[in-house]
Amino acid sequence: YLREHFGNPSSDHVYGRRAAQAVAAAREAVAGLIGAPA
């Protein structure tokens, strides 16, 4: 995500969607660590 997946999560194209998906996955993981909804 420093190299090829550099998109802005707010952008509505494949680069942005990949970034947004990565943020969403991280949110799930961090929230899960503390027993919270994402």
All heavy atoms as atom14 arrays in JSON, in Angstrom:
{
  "sequence": "YLREHFGNPSSDHVYGRRAAQAVAAAREAVAGLIGAPA",
  "atom14_mask": [
    [1, 1, 1, 1, 1, 1, 1, 1, 1, 1, 1, 1, 0, 0],
    [1, 1, 1, 1, 1, 1, 1, 1, 0, 0, 0, 0, 0, 0],
    [1, 1, 1, 1, 1, 1, 1, 1, 1, 1, 1, 0, 0, 0],
    [1, 1, 1, 1, 1, 1, 1, 1, 1, 0, 0, 0, 0, 0],
    [1, 1, 1, 1, 1, 1, 1, 1, 1, 1, 0, 0, 0, 0],
    [1, 1, 1, 1, 1, 1, 1, 1, 1, 1, 1, 0, 0, 0],
    [1, 1, 1, 1, 0, 0, 0, 0, 0, 0, 0, 0, 0, 0],
    [1, 1, 1, 1, 1, 1, 1, 1, 0, 0, 0, 0, 0, 0],
    [1, 1, 1, 1, 1, 1, 1, 0, 0, 0, 0, 0, 0, 0],
    [1, 1, 1, 1, 1, 1, 0, 0, 0, 0, 0, 0, 0, 0],
    [1, 1, 1, 1, 1, 1, 0, 0, 0, 0, 0, 0, 0, 0],
    [1, 1, 1, 1, 1, 1, 1, 1, 0, 0, 0, 0, 0, 0],
    [1, 1, 1, 1, 1, 1, 1, 1, 1, 1, 0, 0, 0, 0],
    [1, 1, 1, 1, 1, 1, 1, 0, 0, 0, 0, 0, 0, 0],
    [1, 1, 1, 1, 1, 1, 1, 1, 1, 1, 1, 1, 0, 0],
    [1, 1, 1, 1, 0, 0, 0, 0, 0, 0, 0, 0, 0, 0],
    [1, 1, 1, 1, 1, 1, 1, 1, 1, 1, 1, 0, 0, 0],
    [1, 1, 1, 1, 1, 1, 1, 1, 1, 1, 1, 0, 0, 0],
    [1, 1, 1, 1, 1, 0, 0, 0, 0, 0, 0, 0, 0, 0],
    [1, 1, 1, 1, 1, 0, 0, 0, 0, 0, 0, 0, 0, 0],
    [1, 1, 1, 1, 1, 1, 1, 1, 1, 0, 0, 0, 0, 0],
    [1, 1, 1, 1, 1, 0, 0, 0, 0, 0, 0, 0, 0, 0],
    [1, 1, 1, 1, 1, 1, 1, 0, 0, 0, 0, 0, 0, 0],
    [1, 1, 1, 1, 1, 0, 0, 0, 0, 0, 0, 0, 0, 0],
    [1, 1, 1, 1, 1, 0, 0, 0, 0, 0, 0, 0, 0, 0],
    [1, 1, 1, 1, 1, 0, 0, 0, 0, 0, 0, 0, 0, 0],
    [1, 1, 1, 1, 1, 1, 1, 1, 1, 1, 1, 0, 0, 0],
    [1, 1, 1, 1, 1, 1, 1, 1, 1, 0, 0, 0, 0, 0],
    [1, 1, 1, 1, 1, 0, 0, 0, 0, 0, 0, 0, 0, 0],
    [1, 1, 1, 1, 1, 1, 1, 0, 0, 0, 0, 0, 0, 0],
    [1, 1, 1, 1, 1, 0, 0, 0, 0, 0, 0, 0, 0, 0],
    [1, 1, 1, 1, 0, 0, 0, 0, 0, 0, 0, 0, 0, 0],
    [1, 1, 1, 1, 1, 1, 1, 1, 0, 0, 0, 0, 0, 0],
    [1, 1, 1, 1, 1, 1, 1, 1, 0, 0, 0, 0, 0, 0],
    [1, 1, 1, 1, 0, 0, 0, 0, 0, 0, 0, 0, 0, 0],
    [1, 1, 1, 1, 1, 0, 0, 0, 0, 0, 0, 0, 0, 0],
    [1, 1, 1, 1, 1, 1, 1, 0, 0, 0, 0, 0, 0, 0],
    [1, 1, 1, 1, 1, 0, 0, 0, 0, 0, 0, 0, 0, 0]
  ],
  "atom14_positions": [
    [[0.82, -1.21, 0.0], [0.0, 0.0, 0.0], [0.85, 1.26, 0.0], [0.34, 2.38, -0.07], [-0.97, -0.05, 1.18], [-1.94, -1.19, 0.99], [-1.64, -2.47, 1.45], [-3.11, -1.01, 0.27], [-2.5, -3.54, 1.23], [-3.97, -2.07, 0.04], [-3.66, -3.32, 0.51], [-4.51, -4.37, 0.26], [0.0, 0.0, 0.0], [0.0, 0.0, 0.0]],
    [[2.16, 1.09, 0.05], [3.08, 2.18, -0.21], [3.51, 2.19, -1.68], [4.0, 3.2, -2.16], [4.33, 2.02, 0.66], [4.14, 2.27, 2.16], [5.37, 1.79, 2.93], [3.89, 3.75, 2.43], [0.0, 0.0, 0.0], [0.0, 0.0, 0.0], [0.0, 0.0, 0.0], [0.0, 0.0, 0.0], [0.0, 0.0, 0.0], [0.0, 0.0, 0.0]],
    [[3.3, 1.08, -2.34], [3.78, 0.92, -3.72], [2.62, 0.86, -4.7], [2.08, 1.89, -5.11], [4.66, -0.33, -3.8], [5.94, -0.22, -2.96], [6.66, -1.55, -2.88], [7.91, -1.42, -2.15], [8.62, -2.45, -1.68], [8.2, -3.69, -1.89], [9.75, -2.25, -1.02], [0.0, 0.0, 0.0], [0.0, 0.0, 0.0], [0.0, 0.0, 0.0]],
    [[2.16, -0.37, -5.02], [1.18, -0.49, -6.11], [-0.25, -0.1, -5.71], [-0.99, 0.42, -6.54], [1.2, -1.91, -6.7], [0.91, -3.02, -5.71], [2.16, -3.66, -5.15], [3.18, -2.94, -5.03], [2.13, -4.86, -4.84], [0.0, 0.0, 0.0], [0.0, 0.0, 0.0], [0.0, 0.0, 0.0], [0.0, 0.0, 0.0], [0.0, 0.0, 0.0]],
    [[-0.67, -0.34, -4.47], [-2.04, -0.03, -4.07], [-2.08, 1.35, -3.39], [-2.36, 1.47, -2.21], [-2.58, -1.12, -3.15], [-2.55, -2.49, -3.74], [-2.93, -2.75, -5.04], [-2.17, -3.67, -3.21], [-2.79, -4.04, -5.28], [-2.32, -4.62, -4.19], [0.0, 0.0, 0.0], [0.0, 0.0, 0.0], [0.0, 0.0, 0.0], [0.0, 0.0, 0.0]],
    [[-1.8, 2.37, -4.16], [-1.62, 3.71, -3.61], [-2.87, 4.58, -3.7], [-2.84, 5.76, -3.39], [-0.49, 4.43, -4.37], [-0.71, 4.45, -5.86], [-1.52, 5.41, -6.45], [-0.13, 3.49, -6.67], [-1.73, 5.43, -7.82], [-0.34, 3.5, -8.06], [-1.15, 4.47, -8.63], [0.0, 0.0, 0.0], [0.0, 0.0, 0.0], [0.0, 0.0, 0.0]],
    [[-3.99, 3.99, -4.11], [-5.18, 4.79, -4.39], [-5.76, 5.49, -3.18], [-5.51, 5.13, -2.03], [0.0, 0.0, 0.0], [0.0, 0.0, 0.0], [0.0, 0.0, 0.0], [0.0, 0.0, 0.0], [0.0, 0.0, 0.0], [0.0, 0.0, 0.0], [0.0, 0.0, 0.0], [0.0, 0.0, 0.0], [0.0, 0.0, 0.0], [0.0, 0.0, 0.0]],
    [[-6.57, 6.52, -3.47], [-7.32, 7.23, -2.45], [-8.61, 6.45, -2.19], [-9.36, 6.18, -3.12], [-7.64, 8.64, -2.95], [-8.31, 9.51, -1.9], [-9.12, 9.06, -1.11], [-7.97, 10.8, -1.92], [0.0, 0.0, 0.0], [0.0, 0.0, 0.0], [0.0, 0.0, 0.0], [0.0, 0.0, 0.0], [0.0, 0.0, 0.0], [0.0, 0.0, 0.0]],
    [[-8.89, 6.07, -0.94], [-10.08, 5.27, -0.68], [-11.39, 5.92, -1.11], [-12.41, 5.22, -1.24], [-10.05, 5.08, 0.85], [-8.63, 5.29, 1.24], [-8.1, 6.31, 0.28], [0.0, 0.0, 0.0], [0.0, 0.0, 0.0], [0.0, 0.0, 0.0], [0.0, 0.0, 0.0], [0.0, 0.0, 0.0], [0.0, 0.0, 0.0], [0.0, 0.0, 0.0]],
    [[-11.38, 7.22, -1.31], [-12.6, 7.9, -1.74], [-12.76, 7.91, -3.26], [-13.8, 8.36, -3.76], [-12.59, 9.34, -1.21], [-12.6, 9.37, 0.2], [0.0, 0.0, 0.0], [0.0, 0.0, 0.0], [0.0, 0.0, 0.0], [0.0, 0.0, 0.0], [0.0, 0.0, 0.0], [0.0, 0.0, 0.0], [0.0, 0.0, 0.0], [0.0, 0.0, 0.0]],
    [[-11.76, 7.44, -3.97], [-11.82, 7.45, -5.44], [-12.65, 6.27, -5.95], [-12.51, 5.15, -5.46], [-10.41, 7.36, -6.03], [-9.65, 8.51, -5.68], [0.0, 0.0, 0.0], [0.0, 0.0, 0.0], [0.0, 0.0, 0.0], [0.0, 0.0, 0.0], [0.0, 0.0, 0.0], [0.0, 0.0, 0.0], [0.0, 0.0, 0.0], [0.0, 0.0, 0.0]],
    [[-13.49, 6.56, -6.95], [-14.41, 5.55, -7.46], [-13.83, 4.85, -8.69], [-14.38, 4.9, -9.79], [-15.76, 6.2, -7.8], [-16.83, 5.16, -8.11], [-16.65, 4.0, -7.69], [-17.82, 5.51, -8.78], [0.0, 0.0, 0.0], [0.0, 0.0, 0.0], [0.0, 0.0, 0.0], [0.0, 0.0, 0.0], [0.0, 0.0, 0.0], [0.0, 0.0, 0.0]],
    [[-12.65, 4.23, -8.5], [-12.07, 3.39, -9.55], [-11.32, 2.27, -8.86], [-11.3, 2.2, -7.61], [-11.17, 4.19, -10.5], [-10.18, 5.08, -9.82], [-9.23, 4.64, -8.93], [-10.0, 6.43, -9.89], [-8.5, 5.64, -8.5], [-8.96, 6.76, -9.06], [0.0, 0.0, 0.0], [0.0, 0.0, 0.0], [0.0, 0.0, 0.0], [0.0, 0.0, 0.0]],
    [[-10.69, 1.41, -9.63], [-10.12, 0.2, -9.04], [-9.05, 0.5, -8.0], [-8.95, -0.16, -6.97], [-9.56, -0.72, -10.15], [-8.37, -0.07, -10.89], [-9.14, -2.07, -9.57], [0.0, 0.0, 0.0], [0.0, 0.0, 0.0], [0.0, 0.0, 0.0], [0.0, 0.0, 0.0], [0.0, 0.0, 0.0], [0.0, 0.0, 0.0], [0.0, 0.0, 0.0]],
    [[-8.25, 1.55, -8.21], [-7.22, 1.89, -7.23], [-7.86, 2.34, -5.91], [-7.42, 1.96, -4.82], [-6.31, 3.0, -7.77], [-5.47, 2.57, -8.96], [-5.9, 2.79, -10.26], [-4.24, 1.94, -8.76], [-5.14, 2.41, -11.34], [-3.47, 1.54, -9.85], [-3.92, 1.77, -11.13], [-3.17, 1.38, -12.21], [0.0, 0.0, 0.0], [0.0, 0.0, 0.0]],
    [[-8.88, 3.16, -6.04], [-9.57, 3.63, -4.84], [-10.31, 2.51, -4.12], [-10.31, 2.43, -2.89], [0.0, 0.0, 0.0], [0.0, 0.0, 0.0], [0.0, 0.0, 0.0], [0.0, 0.0, 0.0], [0.0, 0.0, 0.0], [0.0, 0.0, 0.0], [0.0, 0.0, 0.0], [0.0, 0.0, 0.0], [0.0, 0.0, 0.0], [0.0, 0.0, 0.0]],
    [[-10.95, 1.63, -4.91], [-11.7, 0.53, -4.29], [-10.78, -0.42, -3.54], [-11.12, -0.92, -2.47], [-12.52, -0.2, -5.34], [-13.72, 0.62, -5.85], [-14.7, -0.25, -6.6], [-14.14, -0.8, -7.82], [-14.13, -0.19, -9.0], [-14.67, 1.02, -9.11], [-13.63, -0.78, -10.07], [0.0, 0.0, 0.0], [0.0, 0.0, 0.0], [0.0, 0.0, 0.0]],
    [[-9.6, -0.68, -4.11], [-8.66, -1.56, -3.41], [-8.22, -0.94, -2.08], [-8.12, -1.63, -1.07], [-7.43, -1.8, -4.29], [-7.66, -2.8, -5.41], [-6.45, -2.89, -6.29], [-6.66, -3.83, -7.39], [-5.91, -3.87, -8.49], [-4.91, -3.0, -8.62], [-6.15, -4.76, -9.44], [0.0, 0.0, 0.0], [0.0, 0.0, 0.0], [0.0, 0.0, 0.0]],
    [[-7.97, 0.34, -2.1], [-7.58, 1.02, -0.86], [-8.72, 1.0, 0.15], [-8.51, 0.75, 1.34], [-7.16, 2.46, -1.16], [0.0, 0.0, 0.0], [0.0, 0.0, 0.0], [0.0, 0.0, 0.0], [0.0, 0.0, 0.0], [0.0, 0.0, 0.0], [0.0, 0.0, 0.0], [0.0, 0.0, 0.0], [0.0, 0.0, 0.0], [0.0, 0.0, 0.0]],
    [[-9.94, 1.26, -0.33], [-11.1, 1.26, 0.57], [-11.33, -0.12, 1.17], [-11.67, -0.25, 2.35], [-12.33, 1.73, -0.19], [0.0, 0.0, 0.0], [0.0, 0.0, 0.0], [0.0, 0.0, 0.0], [0.0, 0.0, 0.0], [0.0, 0.0, 0.0], [0.0, 0.0, 0.0], [0.0, 0.0, 0.0], [0.0, 0.0, 0.0], [0.0, 0.0, 0.0]],
    [[-11.15, -1.15, 0.36], [-11.31, -2.51, 0.87], [-10.26, -2.83, 1.94], [-10.56, -3.49, 2.94], [-11.22, -3.51, -0.28], [-12.43, -3.47, -1.21], [-12.18, -4.17, -2.54], [-11.09, -4.72, -2.77], [-13.18, -4.17, -3.4], [0.0, 0.0, 0.0], [0.0, 0.0, 0.0], [0.0, 0.0, 0.0], [0.0, 0.0, 0.0], [0.0, 0.0, 0.0]],
    [[-9.05, -2.35, 1.73], [-7.99, -2.59, 2.71], [-8.29, -1.88, 4.02], [-8.06, -2.43, 5.12], [-6.65, -2.12, 2.15], [0.0, 0.0, 0.0], [0.0, 0.0, 0.0], [0.0, 0.0, 0.0], [0.0, 0.0, 0.0], [0.0, 0.0, 0.0], [0.0, 0.0, 0.0], [0.0, 0.0, 0.0], [0.0, 0.0, 0.0], [0.0, 0.0, 0.0]],
    [[-8.8, -0.65, 3.95], [-9.17, 0.09, 5.16], [-10.3, -0.63, 5.88], [-10.28, -0.77, 7.12], [-9.56, 1.53, 4.81], [-10.19, 2.23, 6.01], [-8.34, 2.31, 4.32], [0.0, 0.0, 0.0], [0.0, 0.0, 0.0], [0.0, 0.0, 0.0], [0.0, 0.0, 0.0], [0.0, 0.0, 0.0], [0.0, 0.0, 0.0], [0.0, 0.0, 0.0]],
    [[-11.27, -1.13, 5.13], [-12.4, -1.83, 5.74], [-11.93, -3.11, 6.44], [-12.4, -3.44, 7.54], [-13.45, -2.15, 4.69], [0.0, 0.0, 0.0], [0.0, 0.0, 0.0], [0.0, 0.0, 0.0], [0.0, 0.0, 0.0], [0.0, 0.0, 0.0], [0.0, 0.0, 0.0], [0.0, 0.0, 0.0], [0.0, 0.0, 0.0], [0.0, 0.0, 0.0]],
    [[-11.01, -3.84, 5.8], [-10.5, -5.07, 6.42], [-9.73, -4.77, 7.7], [-9.84, -5.49, 8.7], [-9.62, -5.82, 5.42], [0.0, 0.0, 0.0], [0.0, 0.0, 0.0], [0.0, 0.0, 0.0], [0.0, 0.0, 0.0], [0.0, 0.0, 0.0], [0.0, 0.0, 0.0], [0.0, 0.0, 0.0], [0.0, 0.0, 0.0], [0.0, 0.0, 0.0]],
    [[-8.95, -3.7, 7.67], [-8.21, -3.31, 8.87], [-9.16, -2.89, 9.98], [-8.96, -3.2, 11.16], [-7.25, -2.17, 8.54], [0.0, 0.0, 0.0], [0.0, 0.0, 0.0], [0.0, 0.0, 0.0], [0.0, 0.0, 0.0], [0.0, 0.0, 0.0], [0.0, 0.0, 0.0], [0.0, 0.0, 0.0], [0.0, 0.0, 0.0], [0.0, 0.0, 0.0]],
    [[-10.22, -2.19, 9.62], [-11.2, -1.75, 10.61], [-11.84, -2.95, 11.29], [-12.02, -2.97, 12.51], [-12.27, -0.88, 9.93], [-13.06, -0.02, 10.93], [-14.18, 0.76, 10.24], [-13.73, 1.52, 9.1], [-13.17, 2.73, 9.18], [-13.0, 3.29, 10.38], [-12.79, 3.37, 8.1], [0.0, 0.0, 0.0], [0.0, 0.0, 0.0], [0.0, 0.0, 0.0]],
    [[-12.16, -3.97, 10.51], [-12.72, -5.2, 11.09], [-11.75, -5.84, 12.06], [-12.13, -6.29, 13.14], [-13.06, -6.18, 9.96], [-14.25, -5.79, 9.1], [-15.58, -6.18, 9.73], [-15.58, -6.8, 10.8], [-16.63, -5.84, 9.14], [0.0, 0.0, 0.0], [0.0, 0.0, 0.0], [0.0, 0.0, 0.0], [0.0, 0.0, 0.0], [0.0, 0.0, 0.0]],
    [[-10.47, -5.88, 11.69], [-9.47, -6.54, 12.53], [-9.25, -5.8, 13.84], [-9.19, -6.4, 14.91], [-8.15, -6.67, 11.77], [0.0, 0.0, 0.0], [0.0, 0.0, 0.0], [0.0, 0.0, 0.0], [0.0, 0.0, 0.0], [0.0, 0.0, 0.0], [0.0, 0.0, 0.0], [0.0, 0.0, 0.0], [0.0, 0.0, 0.0], [0.0, 0.0, 0.0]],
    [[-9.12, -4.48, 13.75], [-8.87, -3.69, 14.96], [-10.1, -3.72, 15.86], [-9.98, -3.88, 17.09], [-8.47, -2.25, 14.6], [-8.26, -1.43, 15.87], [-7.2, -2.25, 13.76], [0.0, 0.0, 0.0], [0.0, 0.0, 0.0], [0.0, 0.0, 0.0], [0.0, 0.0, 0.0], [0.0, 0.0, 0.0], [0.0, 0.0, 0.0], [0.0, 0.0, 0.0]],
    [[-11.27, -3.55, 15.27], [-12.5, -3.59, 16.06], [-12.66, -4.96, 16.72], [-13.06, -5.06, 17.89], [-13.7, -3.28, 15.18], [0.0, 0.0, 0.0], [0.0, 0.0, 0.0], [0.0, 0.0, 0.0], [0.0, 0.0, 0.0], [0.0, 0.0, 0.0], [0.0, 0.0, 0.0], [0.0, 0.0, 0.0], [0.0, 0.0, 0.0], [0.0, 0.0, 0.0]],
    [[-12.32, -6.01, 16.0], [-12.43, -7.35, 16.55], [-11.53, -7.56, 17.75], [-11.88, -8.3, 18.69], [0.0, 0.0, 0.0], [0.0, 0.0, 0.0], [0.0, 0.0, 0.0], [0.0, 0.0, 0.0], [0.0, 0.0, 0.0], [0.0, 0.0, 0.0], [0.0, 0.0, 0.0], [0.0, 0.0, 0.0], [0.0, 0.0, 0.0], [0.0, 0.0, 0.0]],
    [[-10.37, -6.92, 17.75], [-9.43, -7.07, 18.87], [-10.01, -6.53, 20.17], [-9.65, -7.01, 21.25], [-8.12, -6.35, 18.53], [-6.97, -6.48, 19.54], [-6.55, -7.94, 19.7], [-5.79, -5.62, 19.12], [0.0, 0.0, 0.0], [0.0, 0.0, 0.0], [0.0, 0.0, 0.0], [0.0, 0.0, 0.0], [0.0, 0.0, 0.0], [0.0, 0.0, 0.0]],
    [[-10.92, -5.55, 20.08], [-11.5, -4.97, 21.29], [-12.99, -5.3, 21.43], [-13.69, -4.72, 22.26], [-11.3, -3.44, 21.34], [-11.93, -2.75, 20.13], [-9.81, -3.1, 21.41], [-11.93, -1.22, 20.21], [0.0, 0.0, 0.0], [0.0, 0.0, 0.0], [0.0, 0.0, 0.0], [0.0, 0.0, 0.0], [0.0, 0.0, 0.0], [0.0, 0.0, 0.0]],
    [[-13.47, -6.26, 20.62], [-14.84, -6.7, 20.75], [-15.87, -5.68, 20.34], [-16.97, -5.64, 20.9], [0.0, 0.0, 0.0], [0.0, 0.0, 0.0], [0.0, 0.0, 0.0], [0.0, 0.0, 0.0], [0.0, 0.0, 0.0], [0.0, 0.0, 0.0], [0.0, 0.0, 0.0], [0.0, 0.0, 0.0], [0.0, 0.0, 0.0], [0.0, 0.0, 0.0]],
    [[-15.55, -4.86, 19.35], [-16.42, -3.77, 18.94], [-16.91, -3.97, 17.51], [-16.23, -4.63, 16.71], [-15.68, -2.43, 19.04], [0.0, 0.0, 0.0], [0.0, 0.0, 0.0], [0.0, 0.0, 0.0], [0.0, 0.0, 0.0], [0.0, 0.0, 0.0], [0.0, 0.0, 0.0], [0.0, 0.0, 0.0], [0.0, 0.0, 0.0], [0.0, 0.0, 0.0]],
    [[-18.05, -3.42, 17.14], [-18.47, -3.44, 15.73], [-17.56, -2.54, 14.9], [-17.09, -1.5, 15.39], [-19.9, -2.91, 15.77], [-20.0, -2.13, 17.04], [-19.05, -2.78, 18.01], [0.0, 0.0, 0.0], [0.0, 0.0, 0.0], [0.0, 0.0, 0.0], [0.0, 0.0, 0.0], [0.0, 0.0, 0.0], [0.0, 0.0, 0.0], [0.0, 0.0, 0.0]],
    [[-17.3, -2.94, 13.67], [-16.35, -2.2, 12.84], [-16.76, -0.75, 12.65], [-15.91, 0.16, 12.63], [-16.21, -2.88, 11.48], [0.0, 0.0, 0.0], [0.0, 0.0, 0.0], [0.0, 0.0, 0.0], [0.0, 0.0, 0.0], [0.0, 0.0, 0.0], [0.0, 0.0, 0.0], [0.0, 0.0, 0.0], [0.0, 0.0, 0.0], [0.0, 0.0, 0.0]]
  ]
}
